[in-house]
Protein backbone atom coordinates (compact mmCIF):
# COMPACT_ATOMS: atom_id res chain seq x y z
CA UNK A 1 -30.04 1.00 -1.25
CA UNK A 2 -29.31 0.95 -4.96
CA UNK A 3 -25.76 0.23 -6.16
CA UNK A 4 -25.18 0.03 -9.95
CA UNK A 5 -28.94 -0.40 -10.43
CA UNK A 6 -28.97 -3.47 -8.17
CA UNK A 7 -31.31 -3.48 -5.21
CA UNK A 8 -30.82 -5.12 -1.81
CA UNK A 9 -32.52 -8.46 -2.67
CA UNK A 10 -30.44 -8.87 -5.84
CA UNK A 11 -27.26 -7.99 -3.93
CA UNK A 12 -28.08 -10.62 -1.30
CA UNK A 13 -28.65 -13.27 -3.96
CA UNK A 14 -25.34 -12.40 -5.63
CA UNK A 15 -23.53 -12.66 -2.29
CA UNK A 16 -25.08 -16.08 -1.55
CA UNK A 17 -24.14 -17.38 -5.00
CA UNK A 18 -20.60 -16.00 -4.64
CA UNK A 19 -20.31 -17.63 -1.21
CA UNK A 20 -21.40 -20.98 -2.65
CA UNK A 21 -19.04 -20.74 -5.63
CA UNK A 22 -15.90 -19.37 -3.99
CA UNK A 23 -16.32 -20.47 -0.40
CA UNK A 24 -15.89 -18.48 2.80
CA UNK A 25 -12.07 -18.44 2.65
CA UNK A 26 -11.73 -16.92 -0.82
CA UNK A 27 -14.56 -14.39 -0.52
CA UNK A 28 -12.61 -11.76 1.52
CA UNK A 29 -9.70 -11.96 -0.94
CA UNK A 30 -12.01 -11.43 -3.87
CA UNK A 31 -13.71 -8.53 -2.09
CA UNK A 32 -10.35 -6.86 -1.42
CA UNK A 33 -9.19 -7.23 -5.01
CA UNK A 34 -12.53 -5.90 -6.29
CA UNK A 35 -12.25 -2.94 -3.91
CA UNK A 36 -8.70 -2.18 -5.11
CA UNK A 37 -9.82 -2.39 -8.73
CA UNK A 38 -12.73 -0.03 -8.15
CA UNK A 39 -10.53 2.40 -6.22
CA UNK A 40 -7.96 2.35 -9.03
CA UNK A 41 -10.68 3.05 -11.55
CA UNK A 42 -11.99 5.96 -9.47
CA UNK A 43 -8.49 7.45 -9.14
CA UNK A 44 -7.88 7.15 -12.88
CA UNK A 45 -11.27 8.70 -13.57
CA UNK A 46 -10.63 11.67 -11.26
CA UNK A 47 -7.16 12.16 -12.77
CA UNK A 48 -8.71 12.21 -16.25
CA UNK A 49 -11.30 14.75 -15.12
CA UNK A 50 -8.60 16.98 -13.60
CA UNK A 51 -6.53 16.88 -16.79
CA UNK A 52 -9.62 17.64 -18.86
CA UNK A 53 -10.46 20.64 -16.66
CA UNK A 54 -6.89 21.95 -16.85
CA UNK A 55 -6.86 21.71 -20.65
CA UNK A 56 -10.26 23.40 -20.84
CA UNK A 57 -8.97 26.26 -18.66
CA UNK A 58 -5.85 26.63 -20.85
CA UNK A 59 -8.01 26.72 -23.96
CA UNK A 60 -10.34 29.27 -22.41
CA UNK A 61 -7.36 31.47 -21.45
CA UNK A 62 -5.95 31.21 -24.98
CA UNK A 63 -9.29 32.23 -26.48
CA UNK A 64 -9.55 35.13 -24.04
CA UNK A 65 -6.03 36.34 -24.89
CA UNK A 66 -6.73 36.04 -28.61
CA UNK A 67 -9.98 37.96 -28.22
CA UNK A 68 -8.12 40.74 -26.42
CA UNK A 69 -5.30 40.94 -28.99
CA UNK A 70 -7.43 40.73 -32.12
CA UNK A 71 -9.01 44.23 -31.92
CA UNK A 72 -5.60 45.77 -31.25
CA UNK A 73 -4.12 44.02 -34.28
CA UNK A 74 -7.05 45.14 -36.45
CA UNK A 75 -6.56 48.73 -35.27
CA UNK A 76 -2.85 48.58 -36.01
CA UNK A 77 -3.34 47.17 -39.49
CA UNK A 78 -6.04 49.72 -40.34
CA UNK A 79 -3.77 52.51 -39.07
CA UNK A 80 -0.96 51.22 -41.26
CA UNK A 81 -3.28 51.09 -44.28
CA UNK A 82 -4.47 54.65 -43.60
CA UNK A 83 -0.87 55.85 -43.29
CA UNK A 84 0.14 54.05 -46.49
CA UNK A 85 -2.82 55.38 -48.47
CA UNK A 86 -2.28 58.97 -47.24
CA UNK A 87 1.42 58.84 -48.16
CA UNK A 88 0.56 57.58 -51.65
CA UNK A 89 -1.95 60.39 -52.16
CA UNK A 90 0.66 63.06 -51.29
């Protein structure tokens, strides 16, 4: 068991020290508040990841659309140039 790089013996020592410092009555309260804080952090982290993925997808779609439109615009502008140059030669 390895949580945050802390093994089982280190975790046990931390729990014993916390029990001595805070006492048996405060320890469950502290555990609950720590659990809520960690859960809140995880939710915020997943929300950030979801937003990042959505923005990446939007950017990818915009690049794809631009890549599809660019050749058509180049064709249209070259056609217009050809038409303009042929009308000037006449």
